N, C-alpha and C. Protein backbone atom coordinates (compact mmCIF):
# COMPACT_ATOMS: atom_id res chain seq x y z
N MET A 1 22.60 -10.75 0.77
CA MET A 1 21.51 -10.95 -0.54
C MET A 1 21.40 -11.89 -1.67
N LYS A 2 20.14 -13.56 -0.81
CA LYS A 2 20.31 -14.52 -1.80
C LYS A 2 19.75 -14.09 -3.12
N GLN A 3 20.42 -14.89 -4.05
CA GLN A 3 19.95 -15.02 -5.19
C GLN A 3 18.68 -15.94 -5.49
N LEU A 4 17.70 -15.11 -6.22
CA LEU A 4 16.27 -15.21 -6.10
C LEU A 4 16.27 -16.45 -7.47
N SER A 5 15.34 -17.13 -7.53
CA SER A 5 15.62 -18.55 -8.64
C SER A 5 14.64 -17.70 -10.07
N GLU A 6 15.04 -18.92 -10.93
CA GLU A 6 14.24 -17.97 -12.29
C GLU A 6 12.79 -18.11 -11.71
N LEU A 7 12.38 -19.24 -11.69
CA LEU A 7 10.44 -19.16 -11.32
C LEU A 7 10.28 -17.72 -10.52
N LYS A 8 10.45 -17.48 -9.17
CA LYS A 8 10.26 -16.91 -8.58
C LYS A 8 10.52 -15.22 -8.90
N LEU A 9 11.52 -14.76 -9.81
CA LEU A 9 12.10 -13.52 -10.34
C LEU A 9 10.47 -13.90 -11.66
N LYS A 10 9.96 -14.52 -12.13
CA LYS A 10 9.54 -14.93 -13.41
C LYS A 10 7.78 -14.24 -12.17
N VAL A 11 8.01 -15.05 -11.80
CA VAL A 11 6.27 -14.78 -10.47
C VAL A 11 6.56 -13.22 -9.89
N LEU A 12 7.54 -12.68 -10.23
CA LEU A 12 7.56 -11.61 -9.59
C LEU A 12 6.98 -11.00 -10.52
N ASP A 13 8.19 -10.45 -11.78
CA ASP A 13 7.25 -10.00 -13.09
C ASP A 13 5.51 -10.19 -12.78
N LEU A 14 5.35 -10.98 -13.41
CA LEU A 14 4.21 -11.35 -13.44
C LEU A 14 3.15 -10.72 -12.14
N LEU A 15 3.71 -10.80 -11.17
CA LEU A 15 2.89 -10.13 -10.53
C LEU A 15 3.01 -8.45 -10.43
N LYS A 16 4.09 -7.94 -10.24
CA LYS A 16 3.81 -6.40 -10.34
C LYS A 16 2.93 -5.86 -11.46
N GLU A 17 2.90 -7.22 -12.60
CA GLU A 17 2.21 -6.78 -13.62
C GLU A 17 0.63 -6.41 -12.92
N ASP A 18 0.43 -7.80 -12.04
CA ASP A 18 -1.11 -7.71 -12.00
C ASP A 18 -1.08 -8.25 -10.68
N ALA A 19 -1.03 -7.34 -9.76
CA ALA A 19 -0.98 -8.41 -8.16
C ALA A 19 -2.30 -9.31 -8.60
N ARG A 20 -2.88 -9.42 -8.74
CA ARG A 20 -4.22 -9.88 -8.36
C ARG A 20 -4.78 -11.57 -9.74
N HIS A 21 -3.50 -12.20 -10.49
CA HIS A 21 -2.90 -13.04 -11.26
C HIS A 21 -3.63 -14.12 -9.97
N SER A 22 -4.39 -14.85 -10.64
CA SER A 22 -4.35 -16.28 -9.19
C SER A 22 -3.25 -16.39 -9.53
N PRO A 23 -2.74 -17.89 -8.33
CA PRO A 23 -1.56 -18.77 -8.77
C PRO A 23 -1.84 -19.75 -9.73
N GLU A 24 -3.36 -19.68 -9.78
CA GLU A 24 -3.65 -21.69 -11.17
C GLU A 24 -3.39 -20.59 -12.59
N LEU A 25 -3.30 -19.04 -12.33
CA LEU A 25 -3.37 -18.64 -14.28
C LEU A 25 -1.54 -18.77 -13.98
N LEU A 26 -0.66 -18.36 -12.70
CA LEU A 26 0.55 -18.35 -13.15
C LEU A 26 1.09 -19.53 -12.95
N ALA A 27 0.73 -20.46 -12.42
CA ALA A 27 0.55 -21.69 -12.95
C ALA A 27 0.78 -22.50 -14.23
N THR A 28 -0.14 -21.77 -14.85
CA THR A 28 -0.52 -22.08 -16.31
C THR A 28 0.34 -21.71 -17.27
N LEU A 29 0.97 -20.12 -16.93
CA LEU A 29 1.69 -19.44 -17.83
C LEU A 29 2.98 -19.37 -17.14
N LEU A 30 3.59 -20.12 -16.68
CA LEU A 30 4.61 -20.80 -16.12
C LEU A 30 4.99 -21.95 -16.33
N GLY A 31 4.03 -23.10 -16.91
CA GLY A 31 4.27 -24.31 -16.95
C GLY A 31 5.00 -25.13 -16.09
N VAL A 32 4.23 -24.76 -14.96
CA VAL A 32 4.75 -25.62 -13.06
C VAL A 32 3.42 -25.91 -12.48
N SER A 33 3.46 -26.45 -11.30
CA SER A 33 2.36 -26.83 -10.15
C SER A 33 1.59 -25.47 -9.80
N GLN A 34 0.71 -25.41 -9.61
CA GLN A 34 0.42 -24.83 -8.94
C GLN A 34 1.03 -24.48 -7.07
N ASP A 35 1.10 -25.49 -6.83
CA ASP A 35 1.80 -25.68 -5.35
C ASP A 35 2.74 -24.75 -5.39
N ASP A 36 3.52 -25.47 -6.87
CA ASP A 36 4.76 -24.48 -6.89
C ASP A 36 5.22 -22.93 -6.94
N ILE A 37 3.95 -22.80 -7.15
CA ILE A 37 3.47 -20.81 -7.53
C ILE A 37 3.08 -20.49 -5.88
N LYS A 38 2.10 -21.51 -5.25
CA LYS A 38 2.19 -20.64 -3.52
C LYS A 38 3.12 -20.80 -2.78
N ASN A 39 4.27 -22.29 -3.37
CA ASN A 39 5.22 -21.94 -2.02
C ASN A 39 6.05 -20.38 -3.03
N ALA A 40 6.24 -20.45 -3.93
CA ALA A 40 7.29 -19.61 -4.12
C ALA A 40 6.95 -18.38 -3.83
N ILE A 41 5.62 -17.87 -3.73
CA ILE A 41 5.08 -16.72 -2.98
C ILE A 41 5.23 -16.46 -1.71
N ARG A 42 4.69 -18.16 -1.56
CA ARG A 42 4.85 -17.93 0.44
C ARG A 42 6.13 -17.37 0.74
N GLU A 43 7.86 -18.10 0.16
CA GLU A 43 8.64 -17.74 0.23
C GLU A 43 9.06 -15.82 0.19
N LEU A 44 8.93 -15.74 -0.93
CA LEU A 44 8.77 -14.31 -1.20
C LEU A 44 7.99 -13.57 -0.09
N GLU A 45 7.46 -14.20 0.23
CA GLU A 45 6.27 -12.67 1.68
C GLU A 45 7.91 -13.15 2.60
N GLU A 46 7.70 -14.21 3.05
CA GLU A 46 8.36 -14.34 4.14
C GLU A 46 9.69 -13.76 3.95
N ASP A 47 10.24 -13.66 3.12
CA ASP A 47 11.67 -13.57 2.76
C ASP A 47 11.55 -11.50 2.80
N HIS A 48 10.46 -11.17 2.21
CA HIS A 48 10.47 -9.65 2.80
C HIS A 48 10.39 -9.01 0.80
N VAL A 49 10.50 -9.89 0.24
CA VAL A 49 10.45 -9.48 -1.35
C VAL A 49 9.25 -8.87 -1.71
N ILE A 50 8.70 -9.61 -1.31
CA ILE A 50 7.07 -8.93 -1.76
C ILE A 50 6.98 -8.49 -0.25
N VAL A 51 6.69 -7.14 -0.22
CA VAL A 51 6.08 -6.76 1.24
C VAL A 51 4.77 -5.51 1.36
N LYS A 52 4.13 -5.76 0.09
CA LYS A 52 2.81 -5.30 -0.26
C LYS A 52 2.37 -5.34 -1.10
N TYR A 53 1.02 -5.78 -1.74
CA TYR A 53 0.01 -5.75 -2.76
C TYR A 53 -1.11 -4.31 -2.63
N ALA A 54 -0.70 -3.91 -3.44
CA ALA A 54 -1.13 -2.32 -3.34
C ALA A 54 -2.23 -1.97 -4.64
N THR A 55 -3.35 -1.49 -4.70
CA THR A 55 -3.75 -0.31 -6.00
C THR A 55 -3.45 0.52 -6.59
N VAL A 56 -3.02 0.87 -7.88
CA VAL A 56 -2.79 1.72 -8.60
C VAL A 56 -4.16 2.44 -8.96
N VAL A 57 -4.60 4.03 -7.52
CA VAL A 57 -5.85 4.60 -8.25
C VAL A 57 -5.39 5.84 -9.27
N ASN A 58 -6.80 6.29 -10.02
CA ASN A 58 -6.53 7.22 -10.33
C ASN A 58 -6.64 8.55 -10.76
N PRO A 59 -5.71 9.16 -9.61
CA PRO A 59 -6.42 10.26 -8.89
C PRO A 59 -7.11 11.33 -9.91
N THR A 60 -7.18 11.66 -11.14
CA THR A 60 -8.27 12.73 -11.99
C THR A 60 -10.22 11.43 -11.65
N LYS A 61 -9.54 10.56 -11.15
CA LYS A 61 -11.47 10.15 -11.23
C LYS A 61 -11.88 10.48 -9.94
N LEU A 62 -10.95 10.77 -9.20
CA LEU A 62 -11.60 11.07 -7.97
C LEU A 62 -11.70 12.44 -7.01
N ASP A 63 -12.67 13.02 -6.45
CA ASP A 63 -13.28 14.21 -6.32
C ASP A 63 -12.31 14.09 -4.91
N ASP A 64 -10.74 14.14 -4.78
CA ASP A 64 -9.69 13.98 -3.36
C ASP A 64 -9.10 15.44 -3.67
N GLU A 65 -8.72 15.98 -2.70
CA GLU A 65 -8.26 16.97 -3.36
C GLU A 65 -6.59 17.08 -2.57
N LYS A 66 -6.14 15.78 -2.26
CA LYS A 66 -5.01 16.07 -2.28
C LYS A 66 -3.48 16.51 -1.94
N VAL A 67 -2.76 16.87 -1.99
CA VAL A 67 -1.76 17.42 -2.18
C VAL A 67 -0.56 16.62 -2.24
N THR A 68 0.66 16.05 -3.45
CA THR A 68 1.49 15.22 -2.81
C THR A 68 2.16 16.33 -3.43
N ALA A 69 3.79 16.84 -2.64
CA ALA A 69 5.36 17.14 -2.82
C ALA A 69 6.29 16.58 -2.80
N LEU A 70 7.24 16.70 -3.96
CA LEU A 70 8.39 15.95 -3.97
C LEU A 70 9.37 17.12 -3.31
N ILE A 71 10.14 16.76 -2.16
CA ILE A 71 10.98 17.37 -1.42
C ILE A 71 12.48 17.17 -1.66
N GLU A 72 13.40 18.15 -2.56
CA GLU A 72 14.57 17.81 -2.22
C GLU A 72 15.13 18.13 -1.52
N VAL A 73 15.79 17.41 -0.40
CA VAL A 73 16.83 17.84 1.12
C VAL A 73 18.06 17.23 0.87
N GLN A 74 19.03 18.40 0.72
CA GLN A 74 20.33 18.11 1.24
C GLN A 74 20.35 18.35 2.77
N ILE A 75 21.25 17.04 3.61
CA ILE A 75 21.97 17.27 4.45
C ILE A 75 23.21 16.91 4.66
N THR A 76 23.65 16.84 5.98
CA THR A 76 25.20 16.74 6.45
C THR A 76 25.07 14.84 6.88
N PRO A 77 25.43 13.80 6.86
CA PRO A 77 25.46 12.39 7.23
C PRO A 77 26.15 12.71 8.50
N GLU A 78 25.53 11.88 9.22
CA GLU A 78 25.88 11.30 10.30
C GLU A 78 27.68 10.40 10.38
N ARG A 79 29.04 10.68 11.62
CA ARG A 79 29.05 9.95 11.57
C ARG A 79 29.18 9.02 12.00
N GLY A 80 29.64 7.26 11.66
CA GLY A 80 29.02 6.23 11.47
C GLY A 80 28.20 5.56 11.24
N ARG A 81 26.99 6.94 11.10
CA ARG A 81 25.96 5.81 10.31
C ARG A 81 25.55 6.55 9.16
N GLY A 82 25.82 8.01 8.98
CA GLY A 82 25.88 8.20 7.47
C GLY A 82 24.50 8.58 7.01
N PHE A 83 23.78 8.37 5.12
CA PHE A 83 22.43 9.29 5.61
C PHE A 83 21.05 8.36 6.43
N GLU A 84 21.77 7.46 7.20
CA GLU A 84 20.59 6.24 7.36
C GLU A 84 20.05 6.65 8.82
N ALA A 85 20.32 7.41 9.57
CA ALA A 85 19.63 7.68 10.93
C ALA A 85 19.06 9.21 10.38
N ILE A 86 19.43 10.07 9.38
CA ILE A 86 19.06 10.87 9.19
C ILE A 86 16.81 10.54 8.16
N ALA A 87 17.56 9.26 7.58
CA ALA A 87 16.24 8.97 6.45
C ALA A 87 15.40 8.20 6.87
N GLU A 88 15.99 8.04 8.58
CA GLU A 88 14.89 7.17 9.31
C GLU A 88 14.09 8.11 9.72
N ARG A 89 14.76 9.37 10.68
CA ARG A 89 13.77 9.88 11.32
C ARG A 89 12.50 10.65 9.90
N VAL A 90 13.41 10.90 9.15
CA VAL A 90 12.16 11.68 8.27
C VAL A 90 11.18 10.25 7.63
N TYR A 91 11.28 9.55 7.50
CA TYR A 91 10.85 8.24 6.65
C TYR A 91 9.21 8.20 7.90
N LEU A 92 9.83 8.17 9.13
CA LEU A 92 8.50 7.65 10.41
C LEU A 92 7.37 8.78 10.40
N PHE A 93 8.00 10.13 9.82
CA PHE A 93 6.60 10.91 9.90
C PHE A 93 5.35 10.36 9.03
N PRO A 94 4.45 10.45 9.53
CA PRO A 94 3.24 10.05 9.18
C PRO A 94 2.78 10.26 7.43
N GLN A 95 3.00 12.00 7.22
CA GLN A 95 2.78 12.47 5.88
C GLN A 95 4.31 12.35 5.16
N VAL A 96 4.72 11.56 5.21
CA VAL A 96 5.98 11.05 4.40
C VAL A 96 5.77 9.11 3.72
N LYS A 97 5.64 9.50 2.34
CA LYS A 97 5.21 8.23 1.47
C LYS A 97 6.10 7.62 0.94
N SER A 98 7.24 8.13 0.99
CA SER A 98 8.46 7.65 0.56
C SER A 98 9.73 8.70 0.28
N VAL A 99 10.72 7.96 0.74
CA VAL A 99 11.57 8.73 0.83
C VAL A 99 13.35 8.03 0.05
N TYR A 100 13.86 8.79 -0.69
CA TYR A 100 14.91 7.84 -1.58
C TYR A 100 16.62 8.89 -1.71
N LEU A 101 17.52 7.89 -1.19
CA LEU A 101 18.87 8.17 -0.99
C LEU A 101 19.20 8.90 -2.82
N MET A 102 19.51 10.03 -3.04
CA MET A 102 19.59 10.72 -4.21
C MET A 102 21.08 10.76 -4.46
N SER A 103 21.78 10.74 -5.53
CA SER A 103 23.09 11.11 -6.26
C SER A 103 22.71 12.29 -6.94
N GLY A 104 23.97 13.35 -7.09
CA GLY A 104 23.51 14.62 -7.66
C GLY A 104 23.71 15.53 -6.94
N ALA A 105 22.71 16.70 -6.85
CA ALA A 105 22.11 18.17 -6.01
C ALA A 105 21.84 18.08 -4.98
N TYR A 106 21.43 16.88 -4.69
CA TYR A 106 20.80 16.56 -2.66
C TYR A 106 21.01 15.79 -2.51
N ASP A 107 20.39 14.92 -1.70
CA ASP A 107 20.59 14.06 -1.10
C ASP A 107 19.45 12.66 -1.00
N LEU A 108 18.27 13.37 -0.55
CA LEU A 108 17.06 12.62 0.19
C LEU A 108 15.79 13.21 -1.53
N LEU A 109 15.24 12.60 -1.45
CA LEU A 109 13.90 13.08 -2.26
C LEU A 109 12.75 12.63 -1.58
N VAL A 110 12.19 12.97 -0.91
CA VAL A 110 10.86 13.03 -0.31
C VAL A 110 9.32 13.23 -0.47
N GLU A 111 8.52 12.59 -0.89
CA GLU A 111 7.23 12.22 -0.84
C GLU A 111 6.65 12.63 0.26
N VAL A 112 5.91 13.59 0.04
CA VAL A 112 4.82 13.85 1.14
C VAL A 112 3.48 14.51 0.64
N GLU A 113 2.52 13.83 1.59
CA GLU A 113 1.02 13.90 1.16
C GLU A 113 0.31 14.47 1.70
N GLY A 114 -0.34 15.57 1.89
CA GLY A 114 -1.69 16.33 2.96
C GLY A 114 -2.88 16.71 2.22
N ARG A 115 -3.16 17.46 3.33
CA ARG A 115 -4.70 18.29 2.76
C ARG A 115 -4.83 18.57 1.81
N ASN A 116 -3.81 19.97 2.45
CA ASN A 116 -3.77 20.86 1.46
C ASN A 116 -2.41 21.21 1.28
N LEU A 117 -2.19 22.81 0.54
CA LEU A 117 -1.07 23.00 0.60
C LEU A 117 0.00 23.67 1.97
N LYS A 118 -1.38 24.47 2.56
CA LYS A 118 -0.57 24.94 3.91
C LYS A 118 -0.26 23.85 4.62
N GLU A 119 -1.39 22.50 4.83
CA GLU A 119 -0.36 21.88 5.41
C GLU A 119 1.16 20.81 5.31
N VAL A 120 1.25 20.59 4.07
CA VAL A 120 2.60 20.53 3.25
C VAL A 120 3.64 21.35 3.86
N ALA A 121 3.14 22.58 3.69
CA ALA A 121 4.16 23.70 3.95
C ALA A 121 4.77 24.00 5.14
N SER A 122 3.49 23.17 6.13
CA SER A 122 3.74 23.64 7.41
C SER A 122 4.56 22.05 7.84
N PHE A 123 3.93 21.43 7.47
CA PHE A 123 5.09 19.55 7.37
C PHE A 123 6.80 20.25 7.04
N VAL A 124 7.02 21.03 6.03
CA VAL A 124 8.43 21.32 5.51
C VAL A 124 9.18 22.30 6.56
N SER A 125 8.37 23.39 6.88
CA SER A 125 9.28 24.56 7.65
C SER A 125 9.09 24.08 8.56
N ASP A 126 7.85 23.09 9.73
CA ASP A 126 8.06 23.11 11.04
C ASP A 126 8.93 21.37 11.45
N LYS A 127 9.19 20.82 10.62
CA LYS A 127 9.34 19.18 11.23
C LYS A 127 10.66 19.08 10.13
N LEU A 128 10.54 19.00 9.21
CA LEU A 128 11.48 18.82 7.87
C LEU A 128 12.82 19.71 8.13
N SER A 129 12.86 20.42 7.90
CA SER A 129 13.59 22.00 7.51
C SER A 129 14.22 22.07 8.94
N THR A 130 13.83 21.71 10.18
CA THR A 130 13.95 22.02 11.48
C THR A 130 15.23 21.03 12.45
N LEU A 131 14.50 19.60 11.46
CA LEU A 131 15.98 18.90 11.82
C LEU A 131 17.30 19.20 11.46
N GLU A 132 17.95 18.90 12.77
CA GLU A 132 19.49 19.38 12.86
C GLU A 132 20.49 19.03 11.54
N SER A 133 20.26 17.98 10.63
CA SER A 133 21.09 17.15 9.85
C SER A 133 20.87 17.96 8.49
N VAL A 134 19.58 18.72 8.27
CA VAL A 134 19.18 19.43 7.06
C VAL A 134 19.45 20.91 6.70
N LEU A 135 20.19 20.39 5.76
CA LEU A 135 20.97 21.41 5.38
C LEU A 135 19.78 22.69 4.51
N SER A 136 19.16 22.40 3.42
CA SER A 136 18.05 23.15 2.59
C SER A 136 17.06 21.93 2.67
N THR A 137 16.39 22.83 1.95
CA THR A 137 15.18 21.57 1.08
C THR A 137 14.72 22.68 0.21
N LYS A 138 14.14 21.73 -1.44
CA LYS A 138 13.20 22.32 -2.17
C LYS A 138 11.90 21.98 -2.60
N THR A 139 10.83 22.23 -2.31
CA THR A 139 10.00 21.70 -2.42
C THR A 139 9.09 21.69 -4.00
N HIS A 140 8.98 20.62 -4.61
CA HIS A 140 7.63 20.77 -6.30
C HIS A 140 6.71 20.29 -5.66
N PHE A 141 5.43 20.97 -5.99
CA PHE A 141 4.33 20.01 -5.71
C PHE A 141 3.79 19.30 -7.10
N ILE A 142 2.94 18.46 -7.24
CA ILE A 142 2.83 17.64 -8.28
C ILE A 142 1.35 18.03 -8.75
N LEU A 143 0.99 18.77 -9.60
CA LEU A 143 0.04 19.14 -10.30
C LEU A 143 -0.73 19.03 -11.04
N LYS A 144 -0.05 16.98 -11.93
CA LYS A 144 -0.82 16.49 -12.44
C LYS A 144 -0.06 14.96 -12.66
N LYS A 145 -0.90 13.86 -11.89
CA LYS A 145 0.21 12.75 -12.62
C LYS A 145 -0.22 11.79 -14.26
N TYR A 146 0.62 12.24 -14.88
CA TYR A 146 -0.40 11.11 -16.35
C TYR A 146 0.20 10.16 -16.16
N LYS A 147 1.38 9.41 -15.44
CA LYS A 147 1.69 8.11 -15.52
C LYS A 147 2.28 7.38 -13.98
N GLN A 148 1.84 6.30 -13.63
CA GLN A 148 2.47 6.19 -12.31
C GLN A 148 3.01 4.62 -12.30
N ASP A 149 4.19 3.45 -12.25
CA ASP A 149 3.74 2.78 -11.95
C ASP A 149 3.18 1.94 -13.73
N GLY A 150 4.17 2.59 -14.56
CA GLY A 150 3.89 2.00 -16.10
C GLY A 150 2.34 2.37 -16.82
N ILE A 151 1.31 2.89 -15.86
CA ILE A 151 0.35 3.27 -15.65
C ILE A 151 0.07 4.20 -16.52
N VAL A 152 -0.62 4.39 -17.41
CA VAL A 152 -1.22 6.19 -18.22
C VAL A 152 -2.64 6.47 -17.87
N PHE A 153 -2.91 7.17 -17.20
CA PHE A 153 -4.06 8.00 -16.81
C PHE A 153 -4.56 8.46 -17.55
N GLU A 154 -4.18 9.23 -18.90
CA GLU A 154 -4.95 10.19 -19.46
C GLU A 154 -5.52 8.79 -20.43
N ASP A 155 -6.65 9.32 -20.90
CA ASP A 155 -7.82 9.02 -21.84
C ASP A 155 -7.35 9.88 -23.22
N HIS A 156 -7.09 8.67 -23.76
CA HIS A 156 -6.71 9.31 -25.33
C HIS A 156 -8.05 9.15 -26.24
N GLU A 157 -7.64 10.56 -27.29
CA GLU A 157 -8.90 10.33 -27.63
C GLU A 157 -8.21 10.08 -29.69
N GLU A 158 -9.33 8.93 -29.84
CA GLU A 158 -8.77 8.42 -31.04
C GLU A 158 -8.20 9.73 -32.02
N ASP A 159 -7.65 10.09 -33.04
CA ASP A 159 -7.09 10.71 -34.45
C ASP A 159 -8.21 10.33 -34.82
N HIS A 160 -9.27 11.35 -35.34
CA HIS A 160 -10.29 11.61 -36.54
C HIS A 160 -9.69 12.08 -37.67
N ARG A 161 -8.56 12.56 -38.38
CA ARG A 161 -8.07 12.93 -38.77
C ARG A 161 -8.24 12.24 -40.18
N LEU A 162 -7.87 12.70 -41.65
CA LEU A 162 -8.55 11.68 -42.55
C LEU A 162 -6.54 11.49 -42.97
N VAL A 163 -6.40 10.06 -43.57
CA VAL A 163 -5.46 10.07 -43.96
C VAL A 163 -5.08 10.42 -45.14
N ILE A 164 -3.44 10.71 -45.59
CA ILE A 164 -3.86 11.01 -46.84
C ILE A 164 -2.37 10.99 -47.38
N SER A 165 -2.47 10.09 -48.41
CA SER A 165 -1.52 9.43 -48.79
C SER A 165 -1.29 9.76 -50.27
N PRO A 166 0.70 9.85 -51.12
CA PRO A 166 0.35 10.24 -52.14
C PRO A 166 0.14 9.45 -52.75
């Protein structure tokens, strides 16, 4: 893994904040030429440092009944490949949105999305828990998202109480 230049790190920070920033704006903010910004972004994309530009959607504003679950998975690592082989088998399922290797009481944290509770439960019982290396699973359904990727979804009400001072 090669070290990223200071310019590329600053470009990444600004794009993580808002991927819609134009090269012109980034150049102005960082005090460099637009060509330097365009080259930095192109290199970051080619090196797969930037792998996707995504939109964060507030789920409370949609009439979408999808169900998301976080599943703790205990596994037996495979000889010679450790956790990699089972993690790959898990992340290839289309229902799986994310897979993380964890420290602590379980090995993998798997984020799954389905149309309803039954679909997620079927995935866990029929596909995930039947994998040979899986020892146990514990499923947690997400009831409400308050914050994601640094963005708070709640509309804050103004505090209309009178200020009382001594």
